[in-house]
C-alpha atoms as a PDB file:
ATOM      1  CA  MET A   1       8.063  28.189  71.435  1.00  0.00           C
ATOM      2  CA  TRP A   2      11.651  28.689  72.866  1.00  0.00           C
ATOM      3  CA  LYS A   3      10.457  25.225  75.416  1.00  0.00           C
ATOM      4  CA  LYS A   4       9.796  23.377  72.187  1.00  0.00           C
ATOM      5  CA  ALA A   5      13.003  24.195  70.619  1.00  0.00           C
ATOM      6  CA  LEU A   6      15.233  22.964  74.012  1.00  0.00           C
ATOM      7  CA  CYS A   7      13.078  19.997  74.368  1.00  0.00           C
ATOM      8  CA  VAL A   8      13.918  19.105  70.655  1.00  0.00           C
ATOM      9  CA  VAL A   9      17.704  19.401  70.966  1.00  0.00           C
ATOM     10  CA  LEU A  10      17.521  17.790  74.918  1.00  0.00           C
ATOM     11  CA  ILE A  11      15.288  14.726  73.327  1.00  0.00           C
ATOM     12  CA  ILE A  12      18.351  14.551  70.892  1.00  0.00           C
ATOM     13  CA  LEU A  13      21.119  14.735  73.008  1.00  0.00           C
ATOM     14  CA  ALA A  14      19.400  11.937  75.264  1.00  0.00           C
ATOM     15  CA  ALA A  15      18.957   9.766  72.449  1.00  0.00           C
ATOM     16  CA  LEU A  16      22.581   9.572  71.269  1.00  0.00           C
ATOM     17  CA  PRO A  17      24.318   7.653  74.151  1.00  0.00           C
ATOM     18  CA  ALA A  18      21.123   5.194  73.604  1.00  0.00           C
ATOM     19  CA  ALA A  19      20.850   4.926  70.545  1.00  0.00           C
ATOM     20  CA  ALA A  20      24.726   3.756  70.072  1.00  0.00           C
ATOM     21  CA  VAL A  21      24.613   1.231  72.668  1.00  0.00           C
ATOM     22  CA  ALA A  22      21.073  -0.210  73.093  1.00  0.00           C
ATOM     23  CA  ALA A  23      19.917  -3.519  72.813  1.00  0.00           C
ATOM     24  CA  PRO A  24      18.546  -5.290  70.091  1.00  0.00           C
ATOM     25  CA  ASP A  25      15.521  -6.322  72.233  1.00  0.00           C
ATOM     26  CA  ASP A  26      14.789  -2.041  72.906  1.00  0.00           C
ATOM     27  CA  SER A  27      15.637  -0.674  69.395  1.00  0.00           C
ATOM     28  CA  PRO A  28      13.587  -1.113  66.190  1.00  0.00           C
ATOM     29  CA  ALA A  29      15.638  -3.526  64.126  1.00  0.00           C
ATOM     30  CA  ALA A  30      15.533  -1.258  61.149  1.00  0.00           C
ATOM     31  CA  MET A  31      17.423   1.183  63.341  1.00  0.00           C
ATOM     32  CA  LEU A  32      20.237  -0.956  64.624  1.00  0.00           C
ATOM     33  CA  GLN A  33      20.234  -2.301  60.735  1.00  0.00           C
ATOM     34  CA  THR A  34      21.185   1.497  59.947  1.00  0.00           C
ATOM     35  CA  ILE A  35      23.926   2.498  62.398  1.00  0.00           C
ATOM     36  CA  TRP A  36      25.239  -1.300  61.771  1.00  0.00           C
ATOM     37  CA  LYS A  37      25.735  -0.566  58.253  1.00  0.00           C
ATOM     38  CA  ALA A  38      27.813   2.923  58.648  1.00  0.00           C
ATOM     39  CA  GLN A  39      30.429   0.881  60.977  1.00  0.00           C
ATOM     40  CA  THR A  40      34.205   0.578  59.221  1.00  0.00           C
ATOM     41  CA  ILE A  41      36.688  -1.872  59.924  1.00  0.00           C
ATOM     42  CA  GLU A  42      39.379   0.441  60.848  1.00  0.00           C
ATOM     43  CA  GLY A  43      36.568   2.662  62.868  1.00  0.00           C
ATOM     44  CA  LEU A  44      35.987  -0.718  64.692  1.00  0.00           C
ATOM     45  CA  ASN A  45      39.324  -0.998  65.932  1.00  0.00           C
ATOM     46  CA  SER A  46      40.212   2.326  67.295  1.00  0.00           C
ATOM     47  CA  GLY A  47      36.883   2.620  69.095  1.00  0.00           C
ATOM     48  CA  ILE A  48      35.089   4.850  67.222  1.00  0.00           C
ATOM     49  CA  TRP A  49      31.403   4.337  66.042  1.00  0.00           C
ATOM     50  CA  VAL A  50      29.703   6.269  63.119  1.00  0.00           C
ATOM     51  CA  ILE A  51      25.814   6.703  63.794  1.00  0.00           C
ATOM     52  CA  PRO A  52      24.416   8.259  60.679  1.00  0.00           C
ATOM     53  CA  GLU A  53      21.874  11.145  60.538  1.00  0.00           C
ATOM     54  CA  ASP A  54      18.997   8.804  59.698  1.00  0.00           C
ATOM     55  CA  ALA A  55      18.938   6.329  62.262  1.00  0.00           C
ATOM     56  CA  ILE A  56      19.156   9.386  65.000  1.00  0.00           C
ATOM     57  CA  ASN A  57      16.248  10.907  63.410  1.00  0.00           C
ATOM     58  CA  GLN A  58      14.602   7.801  63.200  1.00  0.00           C
ATOM     59  CA  TYR A  59      15.280   7.030  67.239  1.00  0.00           C
ATOM     60  CA  PHE A  60      14.405  11.122  67.458  1.00  0.00           C
ATOM     61  CA  ALA A  61      10.593  10.704  65.999  1.00  0.00           C
ATOM     62  CA  SER A  62      10.448   7.638  68.434  1.00  0.00           C
ATOM     63  CA  CYS A  63      10.996   9.633  71.197  1.00  0.00           C
ATOM     64  CA  ALA A  64       9.873  13.071  70.186  1.00  0.00           C
ATOM     65  CA  ASP A  65       6.298  14.452  71.474  1.00  0.00           C
ATOM     66  CA  GLY A  66       3.883  15.218  68.777  1.00  0.00           C
ATOM     67  CA  ASP A  67       1.972  17.535  70.078  1.00  0.00           C
ATOM     68  CA  LYS A  68       4.695  19.579  71.248  1.00  0.00           C
ATOM     69  CA  VAL A  69       6.749  18.972  68.383  1.00  0.00           C
ATOM     70  CA  LYS A  70       6.059  18.793  64.540  1.00  0.00           C
ATOM     71  CA  ASN A  71       7.997  17.297  62.173  1.00  0.00           C
ATOM     72  CA  PRO A  72      11.285  17.731  63.867  1.00  0.00           C
ATOM     73  CA  ASN A  73      14.631  16.884  61.366  1.00  0.00           C
ATOM     74  CA  LEU A  74      18.207  16.609  62.543  1.00  0.00           C
ATOM     75  CA  LYS A  75      21.486  17.672  59.973  1.00  0.00           C
ATOM     76  CA  LEU A  76      24.487  16.399  61.378  1.00  0.00           C
ATOM     77  CA  LEU A  77      27.261  19.539  59.760  1.00  0.00           C
ATOM     78  CA  GLY A  78      30.950  19.046  60.094  1.00  0.00           C
ATOM     79  CA  ASP A  79      32.747  20.782  62.538  1.00  0.00           C
ATOM     80  CA  ASN A  80      30.450  19.310  65.760  1.00  0.00           C
ATOM     81  CA  LYS A  81      27.619  21.307  64.134  1.00  0.00           C
ATOM     82  CA  MET A  82      24.170  20.125  64.018  1.00  0.00           C
ATOM     83  CA  LEU A  83      21.016  22.103  62.615  1.00  0.00           C
ATOM     84  CA  VAL A  84      17.900  21.252  64.643  1.00  0.00           C
ATOM     85  CA  THR A  85      14.728  21.943  62.621  1.00  0.00           C
ATOM     86  CA  PHE A  86      10.650  22.276  63.236  1.00  0.00           C
ATOM     87  CA  ASP A  87       7.483  23.420  63.237  1.00  0.00           C
ATOM     88  CA  SER A  88       5.983  26.179  65.457  1.00  0.00           C
ATOM     89  CA  SER A  89       3.400  28.548  65.693  1.00  0.00           C
ATOM     90  CA  LEU A  90       5.533  31.240  63.992  1.00  0.00           C
ATOM     91  CA  GLY A  91       7.134  28.756  61.516  1.00  0.00           C
ATOM     92  CA  ARG A  92       9.856  26.844  60.755  1.00  0.00           C
ATOM     93  CA  VAL A  93      12.505  27.136  63.632  1.00  0.00           C
ATOM     94  CA  GLY A  94      15.985  26.500  62.972  1.00  0.00           C
ATOM     95  CA  LEU A  95      19.165  25.716  65.938  1.00  0.00           C
ATOM     96  CA  THR A  96      21.829  25.609  64.496  1.00  0.00           C
ATOM     97  CA  CYS A  97      24.178  24.250  67.874  1.00  0.00           C
ATOM     98  CA  GLU A  98      27.840  23.352  68.052  1.00  0.00           C
ATOM     99  CA  ILE A  99      28.601  20.221  70.131  1.00  0.00           C
ATOM    100  CA  LYS A 100      30.852  21.510  73.148  1.00  0.00           C
ATOM    101  CA  GLU A 101      31.567  18.363  74.729  1.00  0.00           C
ATOM    102  CA  PHE A 102      29.612  15.018  75.395  1.00  0.00           C
ATOM    103  CA  VAL A 103      31.512  12.563  78.069  1.00  0.00           C
ATOM    104  CA  HIS A 104      29.824   9.415  79.699  1.00  0.00           C
ATOM    105  CA  ASN A 105      31.540   6.997  82.018  1.00  0.00           C
ATOM    106  CA  GLN A 106      31.279   5.107  84.892  1.00  0.00           C
ATOM    107  CA  THR A 107      30.852   8.459  87.387  1.00  0.00           C
ATOM    108  CA  GLU A 108      29.639  10.860  85.271  1.00  0.00           C
ATOM    109  CA  SER A 109      27.186  11.438  81.556  1.00  0.00           C
ATOM    110  CA  TYR A 110      26.903  15.045  80.892  1.00  0.00           C
ATOM    111  CA  ALA A 111      27.040  17.095  77.639  1.00  0.00           C
ATOM    112  CA  GLU A 112      27.660  20.778  76.782  1.00  0.00           C
ATOM    113  CA  VAL A 113      25.915  22.652  73.374  1.00  0.00           C
ATOM    114  CA  TYR A 114      26.747  25.848  71.914  1.00  0.00           C
ATOM    115  CA  VAL A 115      23.500  27.234  70.206  1.00  0.00           C
ATOM    116  CA  ARG A 116      25.089  29.499  67.690  1.00  0.00           C
ATOM    117  CA  LYS A 117      21.891  30.708  65.585  1.00  0.00           C
ATOM    118  CA  LYS A 118      18.129  30.723  66.196  1.00  0.00           C
ATOM    119  CA  GLU A 119      15.950  31.616  63.512  1.00  0.00           C
ATOM    120  CA  VAL A 120      12.737  31.253  61.935  1.00  0.00           C
ATOM    121  CA  ALA A 121      12.069  30.525  58.281  1.00  0.00           C
ATOM    122  CA  GLU A 122      10.222  33.704  56.306  1.00  0.00           C
ATOM    123  CA  ARG A 123      10.272  35.617  59.396  1.00  0.00           C
ATOM    124  CA  PRO A 124      13.650  38.035  58.703  1.00  0.00           C
ATOM    125  CA  PHE A 125      12.359  40.345  61.860  1.00  0.00           C
ATOM    126  CA  VAL A 126      11.856  37.785  64.102  1.00  0.00           C
ATOM    127  CA  SER A 127      15.017  36.234  63.573  1.00  0.00           C
ATOM    128  CA  TRP A 128      17.222  39.512  63.693  1.00  0.00           C
ATOM    129  CA  MET A 129      15.400  39.912  67.179  1.00  0.00           C
ATOM    130  CA  LEU A 130      16.871  35.920  68.158  1.00  0.00           C
ATOM    131  CA  LYS A 131      20.487  37.318  67.403  1.00  0.00           C
ATOM    132  CA  PHE A 132      20.228  39.650  70.796  1.00  0.00           C
ATOM    133  CA  ILE A 133      19.080  37.267  73.071  1.00  0.00           C
ATOM    134  CA  PRO A 134      20.602  34.583  74.702  1.00  0.00           C
ATOM    135  CA  LEU A 135      18.603  31.284  76.018  1.00  0.00           C
ATOM    136  CA  GLY A 136      20.107  32.221  79.301  1.00  0.00           C
ATOM    137  CA  ALA A 137      18.246  35.198  79.824  1.00  0.00           C
ATOM    138  CA  ILE A 138      15.132  33.641  78.512  1.00  0.00           C
ATOM    139  CA  ALA A 139      15.321  31.328  80.750  1.00  0.00           C
ATOM    140  CA  ASP A 140      16.083  33.960  83.618  1.00  0.00           C
ATOM    141  CA  LEU A 141      12.767  36.115  82.358  1.00  0.00           C
ATOM    142  CA  TYR A 142      10.371  32.669  82.454  1.00  0.00           C
ATOM    143  CA  GLY A 143      11.604  30.599  83.623  1.00  0.00           C
ATOM    144  CA  ASN A 144      14.235  27.474  82.917  1.00  0.00           C
ATOM    145  CA  PRO A 145      11.664  25.218  80.443  1.00  0.00           C
ATOM    146  CA  LEU A 146      13.896  22.007  81.495  1.00  0.00           C
ATOM    147  CA  LYS A 147      12.969  21.799  84.481  1.00  0.00           C
ATOM    148  CA  ASP A 148      10.625  19.669  85.215  1.00  0.00           C
ATOM    149  CA  ALA A 149      12.291  17.316  82.087  1.00  0.00           C
ATOM    150  CA  GLY A 150      12.909  13.361  83.721  1.00  0.00           C
ATOM    151  CA  GLN A 151      16.016  12.071  84.739  1.00  0.00           C
ATOM    152  CA  LEU A 152      18.159  15.113  83.121  1.00  0.00           C
ATOM    153  CA  ASP A 153      19.118  18.130  84.539  1.00  0.00           C
ATOM    154  CA  ALA A 154      19.736  21.241  82.117  1.00  0.00           C
ATOM    155  CA  LYS A 155      21.106  24.686  82.919  1.00  0.00           C
ATOM    156  CA  PHE A 156      21.733  27.276  81.027  1.00  0.00           C
ATOM    157  CA  SER A 157      24.598  30.490  80.498  1.00  0.00           C
ATOM    158  CA  GLY A 158      23.745  32.740  77.899  1.00  0.00           C
ATOM    159  CA  ASN A 159      23.690  30.492  75.268  1.00  0.00           C
ATOM    160  CA  THR A 160      25.204  27.173  76.103  1.00  0.00           C
ATOM    161  CA  LEU A 161      22.945  24.457  77.097  1.00  0.00           C
ATOM    162  CA  LYS A 162      24.527  21.767  79.845  1.00  0.00           C
ATOM    163  CA  ILE A 163      22.952  18.488  80.152  1.00  0.00           C
ATOM    164  CA  ASN A 164      23.311  15.926  82.655  1.00  0.00           C
ATOM    165  CA  PHE A 165      21.772  13.015  81.247  1.00  0.00           C
ATOM    166  CA  ARG A 166      23.269  10.600  84.285  1.00  0.00           C
ATOM    167  CA  PRO A 167      19.903   9.453  85.593  1.00  0.00           C
ATOM    168  CA  LEU A 168      18.243   8.799  82.163  1.00  0.00           C
ATOM    169  CA  VAL A 169      21.774   6.400  81.667  1.00  0.00           C
ATOM    170  CA  GLU A 170      21.616   4.678  85.191  1.00  0.00           C
ATOM    171  CA  LYS A 171      18.239   3.228  84.688  1.00  0.00           C
ATOM    172  CA  SER A 172      18.771   1.875  80.609  1.00  0.00           C
ATOM    173  CA  LEU A 173      22.225   2.014  79.467  1.00  0.00           C
ATOM    174  CA  LEU A 174      23.579   1.235  82.896  1.00  0.00           C
ATOM    175  CA  GLY A 175      20.952  -1.891  83.100  1.00  0.00           C
ATOM    176  CA  ASN A 176      23.099  -4.478  81.047  1.00  0.00           C
ATOM    177  CA  ASP A 177      27.242  -5.398  80.625  1.00  0.00           C
ATOM    178  CA  PHE A 178      27.735  -3.446  77.155  1.00  0.00           C
ATOM    179  CA  GLY A 179      26.269  -0.513  78.905  1.00  0.00           C
ATOM    180  CA  ARG A 180      28.292  -0.625  82.394  1.00  0.00           C
ATOM    181  CA  LYS A 181      31.488  -1.124  80.532  1.00  0.00           C
ATOM    182  CA  VAL A 182      30.877   1.150  77.404  1.00  0.00           C
ATOM    183  CA  GLU A 183      32.658   5.149  77.792  1.00  0.00           C
ATOM    184  CA  ILE A 184      32.714   7.774  75.656  1.00  0.00           C
ATOM    185  CA  SER A 185      35.315  10.869  75.857  1.00  0.00           C
ATOM    186  CA  GLY A 186      33.775  12.313  73.078  1.00  0.00           C
ATOM    187  CA  MET A 187      32.004  13.445  70.113  1.00  0.00           C
ATOM    188  CA  THR A 188      32.618  14.473  66.260  1.00  0.00           C
ATOM    189  CA  THR A 189      30.644  14.559  63.238  1.00  0.00           C
ATOM    190  CA  ARG A 190      30.747  14.705  59.825  1.00  0.00           C
ATOM    191  CA  GLU A 191      28.539  15.412  57.078  1.00  0.00           C
ATOM    192  CA  GLY A 192      25.669  13.459  57.721  1.00  0.00           C
ATOM    193  CA  VAL A 193      27.089  11.388  60.300  1.00  0.00           C
ATOM    194  CA  LEU A 194      28.078  11.579  64.222  1.00  0.00           C
ATOM    195  CA  GLU A 195      31.151   9.910  65.355  1.00  0.00           C
ATOM    196  CA  LEU A 196      31.336   8.772  68.929  1.00  0.00           C
ATOM    197  CA  HIS A 197      34.677   8.097  70.700  1.00  0.00           C
ATOM    198  CA  THR A 198      34.722   5.258  72.957  1.00  0.00           C
ATOM    199  CA  ASN A 199      36.413   2.934  74.638  1.00  0.00           C
ATOM    200  CA  MET A 200      35.083  -0.220  73.173  1.00  0.00           C
ATOM    201  CA  LYS A 201      37.431  -1.442  70.175  1.00  0.00           C
ATOM    202  CA  ALA A 202      36.551  -4.305  67.800  1.00  0.00           C
ATOM    203  CA  ALA A 203      38.213  -6.909  69.968  1.00  0.00           C
ATOM    204  CA  ASP A 204      36.500  -5.434  72.924  1.00  0.00           C
ATOM    205  CA  LEU A 205      32.766  -5.291  71.314  1.00  0.00           C
ATOM    206  CA  LEU A 206      33.153  -8.909  69.926  1.00  0.00           C
ATOM    207  CA  GLY A 207      34.206 -10.399  73.661  1.00  0.00           C
ATOM    208  CA  VAL A 208      30.960  -8.503  75.340  1.00  0.00           C
ATOM    209  CA  LEU A 209      28.882  -9.664  72.671  1.00  0.00           C
ATOM    210  CA  LEU A 210      30.354 -13.389  73.089  1.00  0.00           C
ATOM    211  CA  SER A 211      29.939 -13.254  77.072  1.00  0.00           C
ATOM    212  CA  SER A 212      26.219 -12.070  76.676  1.00  0.00           C
ATOM    213  CA  GLN A 213      25.189 -15.412  73.999  1.00  0.00           C
ATOM    214  CA  LYS A 214      27.212 -17.343  76.799  1.00  0.00           C
ATOM    215  CA  ASN A 215      25.602 -16.068  79.771  1.00  0.00           C
ATOM    216  CA  GLY A 216      22.019 -16.173  77.913  1.00  0.00           C
END
C-alpha cells in the first residue's frame, strides 16, 4: 500500500513543473485553459504562476497508473500543505504533506516533502499505528519502494521524502527554449491554488513566445 502512496506523491510533484511549462502541443487544451484563466496580471508581473488544483488533478489523472492507484485526488491547503487521497486495499488513504522545498534551475531540480499525517478512512486503529511508523523506517525494512522509478531519484529520512527529478526535466522541459529559460525558486500554496515563484515575468514570457513564433 505504501508503495502506491509514495508513487502518488511522486507523480504529483513531478507533474508540477511539467504542468507549469508544458508546450501547447504536449498538453490537453482543457488543462492549459484552466491554468491560463487562473493567472492574474499582478502575479505574472511578479513572476508568480498560479496553478489551480483542478489542473494538477487533470494532469495527475493522465499520468497515474490505474492498476496501481485508484481514484487519486489532490487538495491544496494553505501554508504549503496538500492532502493526497486514493483508494487502496485497506480503504481510502489520506496523506497530509508539507512542501518544504521546490527548486528548478539551470543546474538542479528537486523537491522536499514532509508527510505530516498518514491515515486510513474508517480505520482508526491503523491510523493511530501509522503515527509511530515513519516512512524512512518502512523503506529501511522493506526497501525503497521508489528505487525503480525511472528518471527520478527519491530518498527518505524519517517522514521526509526528497525527490531529484533532474533526469525527468532534462528529457522534457529542457527540450524547448521556454523550458531552458524558466527557473523556479520556490512554491507556496493557498486553498485550492498552488503558486510557482519563477524568474519569468510577463514581459519575459511575452518575449519567449514571440521568439518562438518568429523561429517557427
